[in-house]
Amino acid sequence: MKKNLEDSLMLAAIRARIEIQAKGRKMEQGQNTTEYGIFIAGVVVVVLLVVGIFSNALQSLWNRVAALISGG
């Protein structure tokens, strides 16, 4: 009887550990998703800043290209 009780407790402890590890992996996946989202938001901000800084130069370039294409 005592052996069965010890075995049952051991199995319960193993199951609990497996569940805790599985929940930990799910939490890590959520953190990775959040980190990627923050990274992508940072990239978008940088791209918008660069386009804003160089907007006059880009507009001038497009105007010159359009003039060349139209034969002007």
Protein backbone atom coordinates (compact mmCIF):
# COMPACT_ATOMS: atom_id res chain seq x y z
CA MET A 1 0.00 0.00 0.00
CA LYS A 2 2.79 2.39 0.92
CA LYS A 3 4.58 1.66 -2.37
CA ASN A 4 1.45 2.47 -4.38
CA LEU A 5 1.05 5.76 -2.53
CA GLU A 6 4.68 6.68 -3.22
CA ASP A 7 4.26 5.77 -6.88
CA SER A 8 1.08 7.85 -7.12
CA LEU A 9 2.77 10.85 -5.53
CA MET A 10 5.77 10.48 -7.85
CA LEU A 11 3.48 10.36 -10.91
CA ALA A 12 1.57 13.40 -9.69
CA ALA A 13 4.83 15.31 -9.21
CA ILE A 14 6.02 14.35 -12.70
CA ARG A 15 2.72 15.42 -14.26
CA ALA A 16 2.82 18.73 -12.40
CA ARG A 17 6.36 19.37 -13.61
CA ILE A 18 5.40 18.60 -17.21
CA GLU A 19 2.43 20.99 -17.00
CA ILE A 20 4.58 23.75 -15.51
CA GLN A 21 7.18 23.31 -18.26
CA ALA A 22 4.49 23.41 -20.95
CA LYS A 23 3.03 26.63 -19.51
CA GLY A 24 6.52 28.12 -19.39
CA ARG A 25 7.05 27.38 -23.09
CA LYS A 26 3.73 29.04 -23.95
CA MET A 27 4.72 32.14 -21.98
CA GLU A 28 8.09 32.29 -23.80
CA GLN A 29 6.30 32.13 -27.15
CA GLY A 30 4.14 35.07 -26.13
CA GLN A 31 7.21 37.05 -25.17
CA ASN A 32 8.81 36.33 -28.52
CA THR A 33 5.71 37.58 -30.33
CA THR A 34 5.74 40.77 -28.27
CA GLU A 35 9.44 41.30 -28.94
CA TYR A 36 8.91 40.88 -32.69
CA GLY A 37 6.04 43.36 -32.59
CA ILE A 38 8.16 45.94 -30.80
CA PHE A 39 11.01 45.37 -33.25
CA ILE A 40 8.73 45.80 -36.28
CA ALA A 41 7.25 48.99 -34.77
CA GLY A 42 10.78 50.35 -34.34
CA VAL A 43 11.65 49.55 -37.94
CA VAL A 44 8.49 51.33 -39.14
CA VAL A 45 9.39 54.42 -37.10
CA VAL A 46 12.92 54.48 -38.54
CA VAL A 47 11.64 54.09 -42.12
CA LEU A 48 9.14 56.92 -41.62
CA LEU A 49 11.85 59.18 -40.19
CA VAL A 50 14.22 58.44 -43.08
CA VAL A 51 11.51 59.09 -45.68
CA GLY A 52 10.58 62.31 -43.88
CA ILE A 53 14.18 63.50 -43.79
CA PHE A 54 14.85 62.69 -47.44
CA SER A 55 11.40 63.57 -48.81
CA ASN A 56 12.62 66.68 -50.66
CA ALA A 57 15.49 64.79 -52.25
CA LEU A 58 13.19 61.94 -53.26
CA GLN A 59 10.64 64.33 -54.74
CA SER A 60 13.37 66.08 -56.72
CA LEU A 61 14.65 62.76 -58.01
CA TRP A 62 11.17 61.67 -59.11
CA ASN A 63 10.62 65.01 -60.86
CA ARG A 64 13.92 64.65 -62.77
CA VAL A 65 13.07 61.06 -63.76
CA ALA A 66 9.59 62.14 -64.90
CA ALA A 67 11.10 64.98 -66.95
CA LEU A 68 13.57 62.60 -68.61
CA ILE A 69 10.84 60.10 -69.44
CA SER A 70 8.55 62.74 -70.90
CA GLY A 71 11.40 64.03 -73.08
CA GLY A 72 11.85 67.29 -71.20
